[in-house]
Amino acid sequence: MKLKKAISRGVIRKALKPIPIIGTGAVVLLALGTIRRKGFFRGSADVMLDIIPVVGFAKGVVEAFAGDVIPDKRT
C-alpha cells in the first residue's frame, strides 16, 4: 500500500510511466484511481494510451512538460 501511495504522487508517477516494463506495472496498479479521477471514458482512454509502450512514452514526455493530455473531470 505504501508503494501504491508513493507511486500515485504526481512526480514519481510521471517519472515511472515512460519506463517500459516498470511504467506498465505502475499504470496497471493506478488504473482504478485514474478512472475515478478522470471519469470512466477519459480515464479508460488515459490508461489505454499509457499501456501502449511507444505511445505511453511519448505521452509521458509531453505530460512532463505540458501537464495532463487528458484532463481530470470537472467537479
N, C-alpha and C. Protein backbone atom coordinates (compact mmCIF):
# COMPACT_ATOMS: atom_id res chain seq x y z
N MET A 1 0.81 -1.19 0.00
CA MET A 1 0.00 0.00 0.00
C MET A 1 0.86 1.26 0.00
N LYS A 2 1.96 1.25 0.74
CA LYS A 2 2.83 2.43 0.78
C LYS A 2 3.43 2.69 -0.59
N LEU A 3 3.79 1.62 -1.30
CA LEU A 3 4.34 1.78 -2.64
C LEU A 3 3.31 2.39 -3.58
N LYS A 4 2.06 1.95 -3.47
CA LYS A 4 0.99 2.49 -4.31
C LYS A 4 0.79 3.97 -4.03
N LYS A 5 0.82 4.38 -2.75
CA LYS A 5 0.67 5.79 -2.40
C LYS A 5 1.84 6.60 -2.91
N ALA A 6 3.04 6.04 -2.81
CA ALA A 6 4.22 6.76 -3.28
C ALA A 6 4.18 6.92 -4.80
N ILE A 7 3.77 5.88 -5.51
CA ILE A 7 3.70 5.94 -6.96
C ILE A 7 2.60 6.89 -7.41
N SER A 8 1.52 6.95 -6.64
CA SER A 8 0.40 7.78 -7.05
C SER A 8 0.70 9.27 -6.93
N ARG A 9 1.73 9.63 -6.26
CA ARG A 9 2.12 11.05 -6.19
C ARG A 9 2.61 11.47 -7.56
N GLY A 10 2.28 12.67 -7.95
CA GLY A 10 2.49 13.16 -9.30
C GLY A 10 3.88 13.00 -9.85
N VAL A 11 4.90 13.42 -9.14
CA VAL A 11 6.25 13.42 -9.67
C VAL A 11 6.75 12.00 -9.90
N ILE A 12 6.56 11.14 -8.93
CA ILE A 12 7.04 9.77 -9.06
C ILE A 12 6.28 9.05 -10.16
N ARG A 13 4.97 9.27 -10.24
CA ARG A 13 4.15 8.62 -11.25
C ARG A 13 4.59 9.04 -12.65
N LYS A 14 4.82 10.32 -12.84
CA LYS A 14 5.24 10.81 -14.15
C LYS A 14 6.64 10.35 -14.51
N ALA A 15 7.48 10.12 -13.52
CA ALA A 15 8.83 9.64 -13.79
C ALA A 15 8.83 8.16 -14.15
N LEU A 16 7.93 7.37 -13.58
CA LEU A 16 7.92 5.93 -13.84
C LEU A 16 7.19 5.54 -15.11
N LYS A 17 6.18 6.29 -15.52
CA LYS A 17 5.37 5.91 -16.67
C LYS A 17 6.17 5.70 -17.96
N PRO A 18 7.14 6.53 -18.30
CA PRO A 18 7.85 6.33 -19.55
C PRO A 18 8.76 5.10 -19.58
N ILE A 19 9.10 4.53 -18.44
CA ILE A 19 9.96 3.34 -18.42
C ILE A 19 9.11 2.13 -18.81
N PRO A 20 9.49 1.41 -19.88
CA PRO A 20 8.60 0.40 -20.47
C PRO A 20 7.96 -0.60 -19.51
N ILE A 21 8.69 -1.45 -18.85
CA ILE A 21 8.08 -2.51 -18.04
C ILE A 21 7.59 -1.97 -16.70
N ILE A 22 8.38 -1.14 -16.06
CA ILE A 22 8.00 -0.58 -14.77
C ILE A 22 6.81 0.35 -14.93
N GLY A 23 6.81 1.13 -16.00
CA GLY A 23 5.72 2.05 -16.27
C GLY A 23 4.40 1.34 -16.49
N THR A 24 4.44 0.23 -17.21
CA THR A 24 3.22 -0.54 -17.46
C THR A 24 2.67 -1.09 -16.15
N GLY A 25 3.56 -1.57 -15.28
CA GLY A 25 3.11 -2.05 -13.97
C GLY A 25 2.51 -0.94 -13.13
N ALA A 26 3.12 0.24 -13.17
CA ALA A 26 2.60 1.38 -12.42
C ALA A 26 1.23 1.79 -12.95
N VAL A 27 1.07 1.78 -14.27
CA VAL A 27 -0.22 2.15 -14.87
C VAL A 27 -1.30 1.16 -14.46
N VAL A 28 -0.98 -0.12 -14.46
CA VAL A 28 -1.96 -1.14 -14.07
C VAL A 28 -2.34 -0.96 -12.61
N LEU A 29 -1.37 -0.70 -11.73
CA LEU A 29 -1.66 -0.50 -10.32
C LEU A 29 -2.53 0.72 -10.08
N LEU A 30 -2.34 1.74 -10.88
CA LEU A 30 -3.03 3.01 -10.66
C LEU A 30 -4.24 3.21 -11.57
N ALA A 31 -4.62 2.20 -12.34
CA ALA A 31 -5.71 2.33 -13.31
C ALA A 31 -7.02 2.74 -12.65
N LEU A 32 -7.39 2.11 -11.57
CA LEU A 32 -8.67 2.41 -10.92
C LEU A 32 -8.71 3.85 -10.42
N GLY A 33 -7.63 4.30 -9.83
CA GLY A 33 -7.58 5.68 -9.36
C GLY A 33 -7.66 6.69 -10.50
N THR A 34 -7.02 6.36 -11.62
CA THR A 34 -7.07 7.23 -12.79
C THR A 34 -8.48 7.30 -13.34
N ILE A 35 -9.16 6.17 -13.41
CA ILE A 35 -10.53 6.14 -13.92
C ILE A 35 -11.46 6.91 -12.98
N ARG A 36 -11.27 6.80 -11.69
CA ARG A 36 -12.09 7.57 -10.74
C ARG A 36 -11.84 9.07 -10.87
N ARG A 37 -10.57 9.45 -11.05
CA ARG A 37 -10.21 10.85 -11.10
C ARG A 37 -10.63 11.52 -12.41
N LYS A 38 -10.57 10.78 -13.51
CA LYS A 38 -10.84 11.37 -14.82
C LYS A 38 -12.22 11.03 -15.37
N GLY A 39 -12.92 10.11 -14.73
CA GLY A 39 -14.19 9.64 -15.26
C GLY A 39 -13.95 8.37 -16.07
N PHE A 40 -15.01 7.63 -16.35
CA PHE A 40 -14.86 6.31 -16.96
C PHE A 40 -14.22 6.37 -18.35
N PHE A 41 -14.76 7.18 -19.24
CA PHE A 41 -14.27 7.20 -20.62
C PHE A 41 -12.90 7.86 -20.74
N ARG A 42 -12.73 9.02 -20.11
CA ARG A 42 -11.43 9.70 -20.16
C ARG A 42 -10.36 8.88 -19.44
N GLY A 43 -10.71 8.32 -18.30
CA GLY A 43 -9.76 7.51 -17.54
C GLY A 43 -9.35 6.25 -18.28
N SER A 44 -10.34 5.59 -18.90
CA SER A 44 -10.03 4.39 -19.68
C SER A 44 -9.12 4.71 -20.86
N ALA A 45 -9.41 5.83 -21.53
CA ALA A 45 -8.57 6.24 -22.66
C ALA A 45 -7.15 6.56 -22.18
N ASP A 46 -7.04 7.22 -21.05
CA ASP A 46 -5.73 7.57 -20.50
C ASP A 46 -4.92 6.31 -20.16
N VAL A 47 -5.57 5.35 -19.52
CA VAL A 47 -4.90 4.10 -19.16
C VAL A 47 -4.48 3.34 -20.41
N MET A 48 -5.35 3.26 -21.41
CA MET A 48 -5.02 2.54 -22.64
C MET A 48 -3.84 3.18 -23.35
N LEU A 49 -3.80 4.50 -23.40
CA LEU A 49 -2.67 5.17 -24.04
C LEU A 49 -1.37 4.93 -23.27
N ASP A 50 -1.45 4.91 -21.95
CA ASP A 50 -0.26 4.69 -21.13
C ASP A 50 0.27 3.27 -21.23
N ILE A 51 -0.59 2.31 -21.46
CA ILE A 51 -0.16 0.91 -21.52
C ILE A 51 0.62 0.61 -22.80
N ILE A 52 0.29 1.27 -23.90
CA ILE A 52 0.99 1.04 -25.18
C ILE A 52 2.39 1.63 -25.05
N PRO A 53 3.44 0.81 -25.21
CA PRO A 53 4.80 1.26 -24.89
C PRO A 53 5.27 2.56 -25.56
N VAL A 54 5.26 2.66 -26.85
CA VAL A 54 5.78 3.85 -27.52
C VAL A 54 4.86 5.05 -27.30
N VAL A 55 3.57 4.82 -27.40
CA VAL A 55 2.60 5.90 -27.20
C VAL A 55 2.65 6.38 -25.75
N GLY A 56 2.73 5.47 -24.81
CA GLY A 56 2.81 5.84 -23.40
C GLY A 56 4.06 6.64 -23.09
N PHE A 57 5.18 6.27 -23.72
CA PHE A 57 6.42 7.01 -23.53
C PHE A 57 6.28 8.44 -24.05
N ALA A 58 5.75 8.56 -25.27
CA ALA A 58 5.57 9.89 -25.86
C ALA A 58 4.60 10.74 -25.03
N LYS A 59 3.52 10.12 -24.58
CA LYS A 59 2.54 10.83 -23.75
C LYS A 59 3.17 11.25 -22.42
N GLY A 60 3.99 10.41 -21.85
CA GLY A 60 4.67 10.74 -20.60
C GLY A 60 5.64 11.91 -20.75
N VAL A 61 6.35 11.95 -21.86
CA VAL A 61 7.27 13.05 -22.11
C VAL A 61 6.51 14.35 -22.28
N VAL A 62 5.42 14.31 -23.05
CA VAL A 62 4.60 15.52 -23.25
C VAL A 62 4.01 15.98 -21.93
N GLU A 63 3.50 15.05 -21.12
CA GLU A 63 2.90 15.41 -19.84
C GLU A 63 3.92 15.96 -18.85
N ALA A 64 5.17 15.56 -18.97
CA ALA A 64 6.21 16.08 -18.08
C ALA A 64 6.41 17.58 -18.27
N PHE A 65 6.20 18.05 -19.50
CA PHE A 65 6.42 19.46 -19.79
C PHE A 65 5.13 20.27 -19.88
N ALA A 66 4.05 19.66 -20.37
CA ALA A 66 2.82 20.41 -20.66
C ALA A 66 1.68 20.12 -19.71
N GLY A 67 1.79 19.14 -18.84
CA GLY A 67 0.67 18.76 -17.97
C GLY A 67 -0.14 17.65 -18.60
N ASP A 68 -1.26 17.32 -17.98
CA ASP A 68 -2.09 16.20 -18.44
C ASP A 68 -2.62 16.42 -19.85
N VAL A 69 -2.50 15.39 -20.67
CA VAL A 69 -3.07 15.41 -22.02
C VAL A 69 -4.57 15.26 -21.93
N ILE A 70 -5.03 14.37 -21.07
CA ILE A 70 -6.46 14.15 -20.83
C ILE A 70 -6.77 14.70 -19.44
N PRO A 71 -7.50 15.80 -19.37
CA PRO A 71 -7.72 16.45 -18.07
C PRO A 71 -8.65 15.66 -17.15
N ASP A 72 -8.57 15.95 -15.85
CA ASP A 72 -9.47 15.36 -14.87
C ASP A 72 -10.89 15.85 -15.10
N LYS A 73 -11.85 15.08 -14.58
CA LYS A 73 -13.25 15.50 -14.74
C LYS A 73 -13.51 16.72 -13.88
N ARG A 74 -14.49 17.49 -14.29
CA ARG A 74 -14.85 18.68 -13.53
C ARG A 74 -15.64 18.30 -12.31
N THR A 75 -15.39 18.99 -11.23
CA THR A 75 -16.13 18.68 -10.00
C THR A 75 -17.23 19.66 -9.74
